[in-house]
Amino acid sequence: QVAEAVAEPLLGTRRVTLVASGGSSELGVSRLPTEILEVVTKLPAAVEALTGVSVTQ
């Protein structure tokens, strides 16, 4: 459900521009899955910090 909510805004996207900021051997579109996983992984802690509600329990 979390991954779906994170990905939903991209449904209407026609073009994605990726900007590499260094520090990784991955570049371009091959970096996208890693970026998505990082967002999904960090999201529960961010929600809890902002709301005080744990979404992992």
PDB file of N, CA and C in Angstrom:
ATOM      1  N   GLN A   1       0.818  -1.194   0.000  1.00  0.00           N
ATOM      2  CA  GLN A   1       0.000   0.000   0.000  1.00  0.00           C
ATOM      3  C   GLN A   1       0.860   1.255   0.000  1.00  0.00           C
ATOM      4  N   VAL A   2       1.951   1.224   0.748  1.00  0.00           N
ATOM      5  CA  VAL A   2       2.831   2.390   0.792  1.00  0.00           C
ATOM      6  C   VAL A   2       3.462   2.623  -0.576  1.00  0.00           C
ATOM      7  N   ALA A   3       3.970   1.567  -1.191  1.00  0.00           N
ATOM      8  CA  ALA A   3       4.580   1.702  -2.514  1.00  0.00           C
ATOM      9  C   ALA A   3       3.569   2.209  -3.528  1.00  0.00           C
ATOM     10  N   GLU A   4       2.336   1.743  -3.433  1.00  0.00           N
ATOM     11  CA  GLU A   4       1.283   2.199  -4.339  1.00  0.00           C
ATOM     12  C   GLU A   4       1.026   3.693  -4.156  1.00  0.00           C
ATOM     13  N   ALA A   5       0.961   4.139  -2.923  1.00  0.00           N
ATOM     14  CA  ALA A   5       0.716   5.557  -2.647  1.00  0.00           C
ATOM     15  C   ALA A   5       1.874   6.431  -3.119  1.00  0.00           C
ATOM     16  N   VAL A   6       3.097   5.927  -2.990  1.00  0.00           N
ATOM     17  CA  VAL A   6       4.260   6.682  -3.449  1.00  0.00           C
ATOM     18  C   VAL A   6       4.283   6.761  -4.976  1.00  0.00           C
ATOM     19  N   ALA A   7       3.901   5.678  -5.638  1.00  0.00           N
ATOM     20  CA  ALA A   7       3.952   5.623  -7.096  1.00  0.00           C
ATOM     21  C   ALA A   7       2.764   6.299  -7.771  1.00  0.00           C
ATOM     22  N   GLU A   8       1.646   6.427  -7.083  1.00  0.00           N
ATOM     23  CA  GLU A   8       0.419   6.944  -7.693  1.00  0.00           C
ATOM     24  C   GLU A   8       0.589   8.291  -8.400  1.00  0.00           C
ATOM     25  N   PRO A   9       1.290   9.265  -7.827  1.00  0.00           N
ATOM     26  CA  PRO A   9       1.443  10.539  -8.536  1.00  0.00           C
ATOM     27  C   PRO A   9       2.170  10.420  -9.877  1.00  0.00           C
ATOM     28  N   LEU A  10       2.901   9.340 -10.078  1.00  0.00           N
ATOM     29  CA  LEU A  10       3.632   9.156 -11.333  1.00  0.00           C
ATOM     30  C   LEU A  10       2.774   8.582 -12.458  1.00  0.00           C
ATOM     31  N   LEU A  11       1.541   8.169 -12.151  1.00  0.00           N
ATOM     32  CA  LEU A  11       0.691   7.535 -13.162  1.00  0.00           C
ATOM     33  C   LEU A  11       0.472   8.416 -14.385  1.00  0.00           C
ATOM     34  N   GLY A  12       0.314   9.702 -14.185  1.00  0.00           N
ATOM     35  CA  GLY A  12       0.069  10.607 -15.304  1.00  0.00           C
ATOM     36  C   GLY A  12       1.329  11.218 -15.886  1.00  0.00           C
ATOM     37  N   THR A  13       2.478  10.788 -15.415  1.00  0.00           N
ATOM     38  CA  THR A  13       3.744  11.358 -15.863  1.00  0.00           C
ATOM     39  C   THR A  13       4.079  10.886 -17.265  1.00  0.00           C
ATOM     40  N   ARG A  14       4.435  11.834 -18.118  1.00  0.00           N
ATOM     41  CA  ARG A  14       4.810  11.492 -19.483  1.00  0.00           C
ATOM     42  C   ARG A  14       6.323  11.472 -19.667  1.00  0.00           C
ATOM     43  N   ARG A  15       7.029  12.164 -18.765  1.00  0.00           N
ATOM     44  CA  ARG A  15       8.486  12.238 -18.907  1.00  0.00           C
ATOM     45  C   ARG A  15       9.122  12.386 -17.525  1.00  0.00           C
ATOM     46  N   VAL A  16      10.205  11.664 -17.313  1.00  0.00           N
ATOM     47  CA  VAL A  16      10.948  11.749 -16.061  1.00  0.00           C
ATOM     48  C   VAL A  16      12.387  12.137 -16.403  1.00  0.00           C
ATOM     49  N   THR A  17      12.897  13.158 -15.725  1.00  0.00           N
ATOM     50  CA  THR A  17      14.281  13.573 -15.904  1.00  0.00           C
ATOM     51  C   THR A  17      15.048  13.205 -14.645  1.00  0.00           C
ATOM     52  N   LEU A  18      16.082  12.399 -14.802  1.00  0.00           N
ATOM     53  CA  LEU A  18      16.897  11.972 -13.672  1.00  0.00           C
ATOM     54  C   LEU A  18      18.187  12.774 -13.654  1.00  0.00           C
ATOM     55  N   VAL A  19      18.533  13.291 -12.489  1.00  0.00           N
ATOM     56  CA  VAL A  19      19.760  14.057 -12.325  1.00  0.00           C
ATOM     57  C   VAL A  19      20.653  13.304 -11.350  1.00  0.00           C
ATOM     58  N   ALA A  20      21.845  12.933 -11.783  1.00  0.00           N
ATOM     59  CA  ALA A  20      22.782  12.218 -10.922  1.00  0.00           C
ATOM     60  C   ALA A  20      23.539  13.217 -10.065  1.00  0.00           C
ATOM     61  N   SER A  21      23.596  12.930  -8.766  1.00  0.00           N
ATOM     62  CA  SER A  21      24.323  13.824  -7.871  1.00  0.00           C
ATOM     63  C   SER A  21      25.619  13.186  -7.379  1.00  0.00           C
ATOM     64  N   GLY A  22      26.022  12.118  -7.997  1.00  0.00           N
ATOM     65  CA  GLY A  22      27.272  11.462  -7.629  1.00  0.00           C
ATOM     66  C   GLY A  22      27.099  10.511  -6.460  1.00  0.00           C
ATOM     67  N   GLY A  23      28.165   9.831  -6.117  1.00  0.00           N
ATOM     68  CA  GLY A  23      28.152   8.933  -4.977  1.00  0.00           C
ATOM     69  C   GLY A  23      27.628   7.547  -5.283  1.00  0.00           C
ATOM     70  N   SER A  24      27.230   7.301  -6.502  1.00  0.00           N
ATOM     71  CA  SER A  24      26.708   5.983  -6.850  1.00  0.00           C
ATOM     72  C   SER A  24      27.239   5.577  -8.213  1.00  0.00           C
ATOM     73  N   SER A  25      27.461   4.281  -8.382  1.00  0.00           N
ATOM     74  CA  SER A  25      27.908   3.792  -9.681  1.00  0.00           C
ATOM     75  C   SER A  25      26.741   3.661 -10.650  1.00  0.00           C
ATOM     76  N   GLU A  26      25.521   3.670 -10.125  1.00  0.00           N
ATOM     77  CA  GLU A  26      24.338   3.580 -10.976  1.00  0.00           C
ATOM     78  C   GLU A  26      24.013   4.953 -11.551  1.00  0.00           C
ATOM     79  N   LEU A  27      23.640   4.984 -12.810  1.00  0.00           N
ATOM     80  CA  LEU A  27      23.251   6.231 -13.458  1.00  0.00           C
ATOM     81  C   LEU A  27      21.986   6.023 -14.268  1.00  0.00           C
ATOM     82  N   GLY A  28      21.276   7.093 -14.507  1.00  0.00           N
ATOM     83  CA  GLY A  28      20.118   7.065 -15.373  1.00  0.00           C
ATOM     84  C   GLY A  28      18.989   6.214 -14.847  1.00  0.00           C
ATOM     85  N   VAL A  29      18.289   5.590 -15.781  1.00  0.00           N
ATOM     86  CA  VAL A  29      17.081   4.848 -15.440  1.00  0.00           C
ATOM     87  C   VAL A  29      17.373   3.651 -14.532  1.00  0.00           C
ATOM     88  N   SER A  30      18.574   3.111 -14.562  1.00  0.00           N
ATOM     89  CA  SER A  30      18.902   1.977 -13.686  1.00  0.00           C
ATOM     90  C   SER A  30      18.913   2.390 -12.221  1.00  0.00           C
ATOM     91  N   ARG A  31      18.988   3.675 -11.934  1.00  0.00           N
ATOM     92  CA  ARG A  31      18.986   4.187 -10.559  1.00  0.00           C
ATOM     93  C   ARG A  31      17.566   4.334 -10.017  1.00  0.00           C
ATOM     94  N   LEU A  32      16.562   4.422 -10.877  1.00  0.00           N
ATOM     95  CA  LEU A  32      15.182   4.678 -10.461  1.00  0.00           C
ATOM     96  C   LEU A  32      14.641   3.661  -9.458  1.00  0.00           C
ATOM     97  N   PRO A  33      14.771   2.359  -9.668  1.00  0.00           N
ATOM     98  CA  PRO A  33      14.261   1.408  -8.664  1.00  0.00           C
ATOM     99  C   PRO A  33      14.905   1.595  -7.290  1.00  0.00           C
ATOM    100  N   THR A  34      16.195   1.899  -7.269  1.00  0.00           N
ATOM    101  CA  THR A  34      16.883   2.133  -6.001  1.00  0.00           C
ATOM    102  C   THR A  34      16.319   3.362  -5.305  1.00  0.00           C
ATOM    103  N   GLU A  35      16.084   4.426  -6.064  1.00  0.00           N
ATOM    104  CA  GLU A  35      15.519   5.657  -5.498  1.00  0.00           C
ATOM    105  C   GLU A  35      14.131   5.398  -4.915  1.00  0.00           C
ATOM    106  N   ILE A  36      13.306   4.636  -5.620  1.00  0.00           N
ATOM    107  CA  ILE A  36      11.954   4.328  -5.143  1.00  0.00           C
ATOM    108  C   ILE A  36      12.021   3.534  -3.845  1.00  0.00           C
ATOM    109  N   LEU A  37      12.899   2.535  -3.789  1.00  0.00           N
ATOM    110  CA  LEU A  37      13.049   1.743  -2.561  1.00  0.00           C
ATOM    111  C   LEU A  37      13.518   2.602  -1.393  1.00  0.00           C
ATOM    112  N   GLU A  38      14.397   3.552  -1.653  1.00  0.00           N
ATOM    113  CA  GLU A  38      14.867   4.436  -0.585  1.00  0.00           C
ATOM    114  C   GLU A  38      13.726   5.284  -0.038  1.00  0.00           C
ATOM    115  N   VAL A  39      12.870   5.797  -0.921  1.00  0.00           N
ATOM    116  CA  VAL A  39      11.721   6.603  -0.483  1.00  0.00           C
ATOM    117  C   VAL A  39      10.774   5.752   0.355  1.00  0.00           C
ATOM    118  N   VAL A  40      10.441   4.559  -0.131  1.00  0.00           N
ATOM    119  CA  VAL A  40       9.511   3.681   0.586  1.00  0.00           C
ATOM    120  C   VAL A  40      10.090   3.267   1.936  1.00  0.00           C
ATOM    121  N   THR A  41      11.391   3.036   1.995  1.00  0.00           N
ATOM    122  CA  THR A  41      12.040   2.640   3.244  1.00  0.00           C
ATOM    123  C   THR A  41      12.024   3.763   4.274  1.00  0.00           C
ATOM    124  N   LYS A  42      12.221   4.993   3.838  1.00  0.00           N
ATOM    125  CA  LYS A  42      12.276   6.141   4.748  1.00  0.00           C
ATOM    126  C   LYS A  42      10.898   6.667   5.134  1.00  0.00           C
ATOM    127  N   LEU A  43       9.878   6.340   4.372  1.00  0.00           N
ATOM    128  CA  LEU A  43       8.547   6.900   4.582  1.00  0.00           C
ATOM    129  C   LEU A  43       7.946   6.599   5.951  1.00  0.00           C
ATOM    130  N   PRO A  44       7.984   5.356   6.461  1.00  0.00           N
ATOM    131  CA  PRO A  44       7.382   5.101   7.777  1.00  0.00           C
ATOM    132  C   PRO A  44       7.969   5.967   8.895  1.00  0.00           C
ATOM    133  N   ALA A  45       9.281   6.136   8.910  1.00  0.00           N
ATOM    134  CA  ALA A  45       9.908   6.968   9.943  1.00  0.00           C
ATOM    135  C   ALA A  45       9.492   8.424   9.788  1.00  0.00           C
ATOM    136  N   ALA A  46       9.373   8.892   8.555  1.00  0.00           N
ATOM    137  CA  ALA A  46       8.963  10.275   8.319  1.00  0.00           C
ATOM    138  C   ALA A  46       7.525  10.501   8.768  1.00  0.00           C
ATOM    139  N   VAL A  47       6.640   9.554   8.463  1.00  0.00           N
ATOM    140  CA  VAL A  47       5.240   9.666   8.885  1.00  0.00           C
ATOM    141  C   VAL A  47       5.156   9.691  10.406  1.00  0.00           C
ATOM    142  N   GLU A  48       5.906   8.812  11.062  1.00  0.00           N
ATOM    143  CA  GLU A  48       5.879   8.773  12.524  1.00  0.00           C
ATOM    144  C   GLU A  48       6.434  10.066  13.124  1.00  0.00           C
ATOM    145  N   ALA A  49       7.498  10.591  12.544  1.00  0.00           N
ATOM    146  CA  ALA A  49       8.078  11.834  13.054  1.00  0.00           C
ATOM    147  C   ALA A  49       7.110  13.008  12.910  1.00  0.00           C
ATOM    148  N   LEU A  50       6.352  13.014  11.821  1.00  0.00           N
ATOM    149  CA  LEU A  50       5.425  14.120  11.569  1.00  0.00           C
ATOM    150  C   LEU A  50       4.108  13.995  12.325  1.00  0.00           C
ATOM    151  N   THR A  51       3.646  12.751  12.513  1.00  0.00           N
ATOM    152  CA  THR A  51       2.302  12.559  13.069  1.00  0.00           C
ATOM    153  C   THR A  51       2.282  11.883  14.428  1.00  0.00           C
ATOM    154  N   GLY A  52       3.372  11.208  14.786  1.00  0.00           N
ATOM    155  CA  GLY A  52       3.389  10.440  16.022  1.00  0.00           C
ATOM    156  C   GLY A  52       2.727   9.081  15.879  1.00  0.00           C
ATOM    157  N   VAL A  53       2.284   8.751  14.677  1.00  0.00           N
ATOM    158  CA  VAL A  53       1.610   7.484  14.402  1.00  0.00           C
ATOM    159  C   VAL A  53       2.592   6.528  13.734  1.00  0.00           C
ATOM    160  N   SER A  54       2.708   5.323  14.286  1.00  0.00           N
ATOM    161  CA  SER A  54       3.567   4.307  13.696  1.00  0.00           C
ATOM    162  C   SER A  54       2.776   3.530  12.653  1.00  0.00           C
ATOM    163  N   VAL A  55       3.249   3.552  11.408  1.00  0.00           N
ATOM    164  CA  VAL A  55       2.567   2.816  10.345  1.00  0.00           C
ATOM    165  C   VAL A  55       3.121   1.408  10.183  1.00  0.00           C
ATOM    166  N   THR A  56       4.135   1.063  10.965  1.00  0.00           N
ATOM    167  CA  THR A  56       4.733  -0.268  10.846  1.00  0.00           C
ATOM    168  C   THR A  56       4.107  -1.284  11.781  1.00  0.00           C
ATOM    169  N   GLN A  57       3.246  -0.850  12.685  1.00  0.00           N
ATOM    170  CA  GLN A  57       2.623  -1.780  13.626  1.00  0.00           C
ATOM    171  C   GLN A  57       1.219  -2.112  13.203  1.00  0.00           C
TER     172      GLN A  57
END
